[in-house]
C-alpha atoms as a PDB file:
ATOM      1  CA  MET A   1     237.692  63.480-114.882  1.00  0.00           C
ATOM      2  CA  GLU A   2     238.443  66.954-113.596  1.00  0.00           C
ATOM      3  CA  LYS A   3     241.342  67.523-111.243  1.00  0.00           C
ATOM      4  CA  ARG A   4     240.046  68.658-107.875  1.00  0.00           C
ATOM      5  CA  THR A   5     243.010  70.404-106.337  1.00  0.00           C
ATOM      6  CA  ALA A   6     241.531  73.736-105.206  1.00  0.00           C
ATOM      7  CA  ARG A   7     239.193  74.432-102.343  1.00  0.00           C
ATOM      8  CA  LEU A   8     236.453  77.069-102.371  1.00  0.00           C
ATOM      9  CA  THR A   9     235.019  78.035 -98.994  1.00  0.00           C
ATOM     10  CA  LEU A  10     231.626  79.737 -98.873  1.00  0.00           C
ATOM     11  CA  LEU A  11     229.623  81.228 -96.054  1.00  0.00           C
ATOM     12  CA  VAL A  12     225.887  80.745 -96.564  1.00  0.00           C
ATOM     13  CA  ASP A  13     222.722  81.091 -94.563  1.00  0.00           C
ATOM     14  CA  PRO A  14     222.148  77.807 -92.672  1.00  0.00           C
ATOM     15  CA  SER A  15     218.540  77.491 -93.861  1.00  0.00           C
ATOM     16  CA  LYS A  16     219.598  77.905 -97.504  1.00  0.00           C
ATOM     17  CA  LYS A  17     222.341  75.317 -97.003  1.00  0.00           C
ATOM     18  CA  LEU A  18     219.823  72.846 -95.596  1.00  0.00           C
ATOM     19  CA  ALA A  19     217.375  73.461 -98.466  1.00  0.00           C
ATOM     20  CA  PHE A  20     220.200  73.079-101.011  1.00  0.00           C
ATOM     21  CA  GLU A  21     221.354  69.806 -99.439  1.00  0.00           C
ATOM     22  CA  LYS A  22     217.803  68.437 -99.493  1.00  0.00           C
ATOM     23  CA  LEU A  23     217.346  69.381-103.155  1.00  0.00           C
ATOM     24  CA  CYS A  24     220.687  67.812-104.070  1.00  0.00           C
ATOM     25  CA  SER A  25     219.654  64.646-102.271  1.00  0.00           C
ATOM     26  CA  LEU A  26     216.476  64.479-104.358  1.00  0.00           C
ATOM     27  CA  GLU A  27     218.667  64.560-107.490  1.00  0.00           C
ATOM     28  CA  ASP A  28     221.065  61.991-105.984  1.00  0.00           C
ATOM     29  CA  VAL A  29     224.035  64.352-106.259  1.00  0.00           C
ATOM     30  CA  THR A  30     226.283  65.824-103.606  1.00  0.00           C
ATOM     31  CA  PRO A  31     226.287  69.567-102.991  1.00  0.00           C
ATOM     32  CA  SER A  32     229.869  69.663-104.312  1.00  0.00           C
ATOM     33  CA  GLN A  33     228.822  67.964-107.551  1.00  0.00           C
ATOM     34  CA  LYS A  34     225.998  70.474-108.000  1.00  0.00           C
ATOM     35  CA  ILE A  35     228.250  73.476-107.340  1.00  0.00           C
ATOM     36  CA  ARG A  36     230.784  72.161-109.890  1.00  0.00           C
ATOM     37  CA  GLN A  37     227.926  71.786-112.399  1.00  0.00           C
ATOM     38  CA  PHE A  38     226.771  75.372-111.706  1.00  0.00           C
ATOM     39  CA  MET A  39     230.337  76.604-112.216  1.00  0.00           C
ATOM     40  CA  ARG A  40     230.785  74.715-115.511  1.00  0.00           C
ATOM     41  CA  ASP A  41     227.442  75.987-116.812  1.00  0.00           C
ATOM     42  CA  TYR A  42     228.223  79.582-115.825  1.00  0.00           C
ATOM     43  CA  ILE A  43     231.704  79.510-117.345  1.00  0.00           C
ATOM     44  CA  GLU A  44     230.391  78.031-120.602  1.00  0.00           C
ATOM     45  CA  GLU A  45     227.578  80.599-120.693  1.00  0.00           C
ATOM     46  CA  LYS A  46     230.037  83.474-120.333  1.00  0.00           C
ATOM     47  CA  MET A  47     233.054  82.126-122.256  1.00  0.00           C
ATOM     48  CA  GLY A  48     231.671  79.492-124.601  1.00  0.00           C
ATOM     49  CA  ALA A  49     232.148  75.745-124.792  1.00  0.00           C
ATOM     50  CA  ASP A  50     235.853  76.045-125.667  1.00  0.00           C
ATOM     51  CA  TRP A  51     236.691  78.029-122.517  1.00  0.00           C
ATOM     52  CA  ARG A  52     239.446  75.600-121.470  1.00  0.00           C
ATOM     53  CA  LYS A  53     241.596  76.513-124.465  1.00  0.00           C
ATOM     54  CA  GLU A  54     241.211  80.229-123.741  1.00  0.00           C
ATOM     55  CA  VAL A  55     241.956  79.872-120.036  1.00  0.00           C
ATOM     56  CA  PHE A  56     244.915  77.529-120.409  1.00  0.00           C
ATOM     57  CA  ASP A  57     246.437  79.459-123.346  1.00  0.00           C
ATOM     58  CA  HIS A  58     246.382  82.653-121.237  1.00  0.00           C
ATOM     59  CA  ASP A  59     247.658  80.796-118.182  1.00  0.00           C
ATOM     60  CA  ASP A  60     250.948  80.014-119.928  1.00  0.00           C
ATOM     61  CA  ALA A  61     251.762  83.686-120.599  1.00  0.00           C
END
């Protein structure tokens, strides 16, 4: 399980937020779960599947 210790605040158009919430509901996921999935997918697309090692190795420097 991922640690969830950081908060990300976004400002979005209310109609897009409502549409997003409805789509998430159809998939039986929360908007937060879906955003975390989008973030994981994007990071892996840009950095590869082993991104954690790269990020945490550089974090120690």
